[in-house]
Amino acid sequence: MTPKTHVLKRALARRERDELLSAFALGVANGATNLFHVTTVDAWYRPIPDTGLDLVVRAATSECAFAAWQRHAEDAGAEGKHIVEITFSPLAVRGEPQPEKSIIQHVDLDMDDLGDLYDEDLALGLAIPDAF
C-alpha cells in the first residue's frame, strides 16, 4: 500500500513547477514578453462578464499566461469547468507587427495532475476545504 499524497501538496508542487517553467521561459526569451489577456468565455466564445477571473499578464508564452490564470482562478476560489480565451499580439517579425491571435483552452479546475481526486481526498479527510 502506497501513501496518498495530500491534494494541497500536489497543488503547491504544481505551482512551484509552473513558476519555474515561467522563469525559464522568460530567461530563454531574454525579456521578450507579450501582454496576454485571459478571459472566460461561454460555449459560443463570447466573454462572460463579471466573473472576476479576467487577467492581463505579461509572459513569455501563452502556456505561462495560462498557468498564471489558473493560479489566479484558484486564488479567487473558482471551481468547475471553464473555457478560457487567451488573446495576444505576437512580437513583431522583422519590424512588421503581427495580427492579434487567440487561443481557446478548456480547463477543469477540480482536476489535478493525477486526475480528479479532490472529492476522494475530501471523503477520506485528507483534503482541507478552504485552506487557502
C-alpha atoms as a PDB file:
ATOM      1  CA  MET A   1       0.000   0.000   0.000  1.00  0.00           C
ATOM      2  CA  THR A   2       1.455   3.339  -1.024  1.00  0.00           C
ATOM      3  CA  PRO A   3       0.854   6.503   0.971  1.00  0.00           C
ATOM      4  CA  LYS A   4      -1.549   9.001  -0.538  1.00  0.00           C
ATOM      5  CA  THR A   5      -0.197  12.434  -1.441  1.00  0.00           C
ATOM      6  CA  HIS A   6      -2.111  15.316   0.070  1.00  0.00           C
ATOM      7  CA  VAL A   7      -4.083  17.292  -2.548  1.00  0.00           C
ATOM      8  CA  LEU A   8      -2.769  20.621  -1.231  1.00  0.00           C
ATOM      9  CA  LYS A   9       0.812  19.381  -1.528  1.00  0.00           C
ATOM     10  CA  ARG A  10       0.131  18.403  -5.146  1.00  0.00           C
ATOM     11  CA  ALA A  11      -1.298  21.874  -5.852  1.00  0.00           C
ATOM     12  CA  LEU A  12       1.732  23.565  -4.286  1.00  0.00           C
ATOM     13  CA  ALA A  13       4.109  21.313  -6.223  1.00  0.00           C
ATOM     14  CA  ARG A  14       2.294  22.188  -9.471  1.00  0.00           C
ATOM     15  CA  ARG A  15       2.531  25.897  -8.670  1.00  0.00           C
ATOM     16  CA  GLU A  16       6.259  25.642  -7.990  1.00  0.00           C
ATOM     17  CA  ARG A  17       6.758  23.755 -11.258  1.00  0.00           C
ATOM     18  CA  ASP A  18       4.704  26.349 -13.190  1.00  0.00           C
ATOM     19  CA  GLU A  19       6.685  29.213 -11.658  1.00  0.00           C
ATOM     20  CA  LEU A  20       9.988  27.530 -12.553  1.00  0.00           C
ATOM     21  CA  LEU A  21       8.748  26.980 -16.121  1.00  0.00           C
ATOM     22  CA  SER A  22       7.686  30.637 -16.379  1.00  0.00           C
ATOM     23  CA  ALA A  23      11.067  31.825 -15.093  1.00  0.00           C
ATOM     24  CA  PHE A  24      12.857  29.514 -17.557  1.00  0.00           C
ATOM     25  CA  ALA A  25      10.715  30.747 -20.470  1.00  0.00           C
ATOM     26  CA  LEU A  26      11.446  34.379 -19.543  1.00  0.00           C
ATOM     27  CA  GLY A  27      15.151  33.579 -19.379  1.00  0.00           C
ATOM     28  CA  VAL A  28      15.073  31.970 -22.827  1.00  0.00           C
ATOM     29  CA  ALA A  29      13.075  34.902 -24.236  1.00  0.00           C
ATOM     30  CA  ASN A  30      15.675  37.394 -22.897  1.00  0.00           C
ATOM     31  CA  GLY A  31      12.939  39.677 -21.669  1.00  0.00           C
ATOM     32  CA  ALA A  32      10.931  39.450 -24.922  1.00  0.00           C
ATOM     33  CA  THR A  33       7.454  39.175 -23.458  1.00  0.00           C
ATOM     34  CA  ASN A  34       3.916  39.701 -24.678  1.00  0.00           C
ATOM     35  CA  LEU A  35       0.889  41.124 -22.950  1.00  0.00           C
ATOM     36  CA  PHE A  36      -1.789  38.414 -22.694  1.00  0.00           C
ATOM     37  CA  HIS A  37      -5.486  38.966 -21.916  1.00  0.00           C
ATOM     38  CA  VAL A  38      -7.031  35.848 -20.414  1.00  0.00           C
ATOM     39  CA  THR A  39     -10.810  35.726 -20.004  1.00  0.00           C
ATOM     40  CA  THR A  40     -13.505  33.099 -19.523  1.00  0.00           C
ATOM     41  CA  VAL A  41     -15.904  32.598 -22.424  1.00  0.00           C
ATOM     42  CA  ASP A  42     -19.127  30.662 -22.972  1.00  0.00           C
ATOM     43  CA  ALA A  43     -19.742  27.850 -25.475  1.00  0.00           C
ATOM     44  CA  TRP A  44     -20.127  30.414 -28.295  1.00  0.00           C
ATOM     45  CA  TYR A  45     -16.789  32.030 -27.341  1.00  0.00           C
ATOM     46  CA  ARG A  46     -18.403  35.205 -26.021  1.00  0.00           C
ATOM     47  CA  PRO A  47     -16.800  36.709 -22.901  1.00  0.00           C
ATOM     48  CA  ILE A  48     -18.673  36.073 -19.662  1.00  0.00           C
ATOM     49  CA  PRO A  49     -18.958  39.398 -17.791  1.00  0.00           C
ATOM     50  CA  ASP A  50     -18.315  39.913 -14.077  1.00  0.00           C
ATOM     51  CA  THR A  51     -16.688  36.552 -13.300  1.00  0.00           C
ATOM     52  CA  GLY A  52     -13.740  38.159 -11.548  1.00  0.00           C
ATOM     53  CA  LEU A  53     -11.456  35.801 -13.467  1.00  0.00           C
ATOM     54  CA  ASP A  54     -10.245  38.157 -16.211  1.00  0.00           C
ATOM     55  CA  LEU A  55      -6.492  38.607 -16.105  1.00  0.00           C
ATOM     56  CA  VAL A  56      -3.976  40.675 -18.039  1.00  0.00           C
ATOM     57  CA  VAL A  57      -0.472  39.281 -17.611  1.00  0.00           C
ATOM     58  CA  ARG A  58       2.950  39.841 -19.168  1.00  0.00           C
ATOM     59  CA  ALA A  59       4.507  36.470 -20.041  1.00  0.00           C
ATOM     60  CA  ALA A  60       6.898  34.842 -22.493  1.00  0.00           C
ATOM     61  CA  THR A  61       4.469  32.196 -23.783  1.00  0.00           C
ATOM     62  CA  SER A  62       0.743  31.522 -23.814  1.00  0.00           C
ATOM     63  CA  GLU A  63       1.356  28.468 -21.599  1.00  0.00           C
ATOM     64  CA  CYS A  64       2.912  30.720 -18.940  1.00  0.00           C
ATOM     65  CA  ALA A  65      -0.056  33.103 -19.211  1.00  0.00           C
ATOM     66  CA  PHE A  66      -2.476  30.176 -18.864  1.00  0.00           C
ATOM     67  CA  ALA A  67      -0.603  28.893 -15.782  1.00  0.00           C
ATOM     68  CA  ALA A  68      -0.830  32.392 -14.261  1.00  0.00           C
ATOM     69  CA  TRP A  69      -4.583  32.439 -14.964  1.00  0.00           C
ATOM     70  CA  GLN A  70      -5.004  29.035 -13.278  1.00  0.00           C
ATOM     71  CA  ARG A  71      -3.229  30.301 -10.155  1.00  0.00           C
ATOM     72  CA  HIS A  72      -5.398  33.446 -10.230  1.00  0.00           C
ATOM     73  CA  ALA A  73      -8.596  31.377 -10.603  1.00  0.00           C
ATOM     74  CA  GLU A  74      -7.618  29.054  -7.753  1.00  0.00           C
ATOM     75  CA  ASP A  75      -6.843  32.043  -5.522  1.00  0.00           C
ATOM     76  CA  ALA A  76     -10.245  33.544  -6.422  1.00  0.00           C
ATOM     77  CA  GLY A  77     -11.928  30.283  -5.379  1.00  0.00           C
ATOM     78  CA  ALA A  78     -13.155  29.277  -8.845  1.00  0.00           C
ATOM     79  CA  GLU A  79     -14.268  25.700  -9.351  1.00  0.00           C
ATOM     80  CA  GLY A  80     -15.568  23.507 -12.137  1.00  0.00           C
ATOM     81  CA  LYS A  81     -15.075  23.527 -15.888  1.00  0.00           C
ATOM     82  CA  HIS A  82     -14.258  26.706 -17.803  1.00  0.00           C
ATOM     83  CA  ILE A  83     -13.484  27.718 -21.368  1.00  0.00           C
ATOM     84  CA  VAL A  84     -10.661  30.242 -21.397  1.00  0.00           C
ATOM     85  CA  GLU A  85      -9.642  32.523 -24.269  1.00  0.00           C
ATOM     86  CA  ILE A  86      -6.068  33.816 -24.335  1.00  0.00           C
ATOM     87  CA  THR A  87      -5.681  36.848 -26.614  1.00  0.00           C
ATOM     88  CA  PHE A  88      -2.333  38.433 -27.536  1.00  0.00           C
ATOM     89  CA  SER A  89      -0.433  40.260 -30.252  1.00  0.00           C
ATOM     90  CA  PRO A  90       2.691  38.309 -31.235  1.00  0.00           C
ATOM     91  CA  LEU A  91       6.022  40.084 -31.217  1.00  0.00           C
ATOM     92  CA  ALA A  92       6.895  41.916 -34.441  1.00  0.00           C
ATOM     93  CA  VAL A  93       8.789  39.925 -37.073  1.00  0.00           C
ATOM     94  CA  ARG A  94      11.458  41.945 -38.906  1.00  0.00           C
ATOM     95  CA  GLY A  95       9.778  45.125 -37.700  1.00  0.00           C
ATOM     96  CA  GLU A  96       6.361  44.109 -39.059  1.00  0.00           C
ATOM     97  CA  PRO A  97       3.535  43.985 -36.499  1.00  0.00           C
ATOM     98  CA  GLN A  98       1.681  40.682 -36.402  1.00  0.00           C
ATOM     99  CA  PRO A  99      -2.135  40.283 -36.256  1.00  0.00           C
ATOM    100  CA  GLU A 100      -3.761  39.563 -32.903  1.00  0.00           C
ATOM    101  CA  LYS A 101      -4.171  35.874 -32.085  1.00  0.00           C
ATOM    102  CA  SER A 102      -6.343  33.993 -29.654  1.00  0.00           C
ATOM    103  CA  ILE A 103      -6.129  30.518 -28.173  1.00  0.00           C
ATOM    104  CA  ILE A 104      -9.009  28.599 -26.592  1.00  0.00           C
ATOM    105  CA  GLN A 105      -8.271  26.338 -23.612  1.00  0.00           C
ATOM    106  CA  HIS A 106     -10.706  24.031 -21.823  1.00  0.00           C
ATOM    107  CA  VAL A 107      -9.900  23.588 -18.149  1.00  0.00           C
ATOM    108  CA  ASP A 108     -11.410  21.733 -15.228  1.00  0.00           C
ATOM    109  CA  LEU A 109     -10.218  23.460 -12.067  1.00  0.00           C
ATOM    110  CA  ASP A 110     -11.317  20.474  -9.985  1.00  0.00           C
ATOM    111  CA  MET A 111      -8.832  18.245 -11.839  1.00  0.00           C
ATOM    112  CA  ASP A 112      -5.270  17.984 -10.657  1.00  0.00           C
ATOM    113  CA  ASP A 113      -2.217  16.406 -12.281  1.00  0.00           C
ATOM    114  CA  LEU A 114      -3.178  12.925 -11.109  1.00  0.00           C
ATOM    115  CA  GLY A 115      -6.850  13.132 -12.023  1.00  0.00           C
ATOM    116  CA  ASP A 116      -9.974  14.239 -10.259  1.00  0.00           C
ATOM    117  CA  LEU A 117      -9.031  13.055  -6.771  1.00  0.00           C
ATOM    118  CA  TYR A 118     -10.212  16.014  -4.715  1.00  0.00           C
ATOM    119  CA  ASP A 119     -13.628  14.521  -3.856  1.00  0.00           C
ATOM    120  CA  GLU A 120     -11.981  11.247  -2.871  1.00  0.00           C
ATOM    121  CA  ASP A 121      -9.412  13.061  -0.714  1.00  0.00           C
ATOM    122  CA  LEU A 122     -12.183  15.123   0.882  1.00  0.00           C
ATOM    123  CA  ALA A 123     -14.168  11.963   1.718  1.00  0.00           C
ATOM    124  CA  LEU A 124     -11.068  10.373   3.271  1.00  0.00           C
ATOM    125  CA  GLY A 125     -10.338  13.506   5.296  1.00  0.00           C
ATOM    126  CA  LEU A 126      -7.036  14.177   3.517  1.00  0.00           C
ATOM    127  CA  ALA A 127      -8.054  17.475   1.901  1.00  0.00           C
ATOM    128  CA  ILE A 128      -8.810  20.621   3.826  1.00  0.00           C
ATOM    129  CA  PRO A 129     -11.542  22.723   2.167  1.00  0.00           C
ATOM    130  CA  ASP A 130     -10.901  26.487   2.003  1.00  0.00           C
ATOM    131  CA  ALA A 131      -7.346  26.084   3.330  1.00  0.00           C
ATOM    132  CA  PHE A 132      -6.109  28.971   1.208  1.00  0.00           C
END
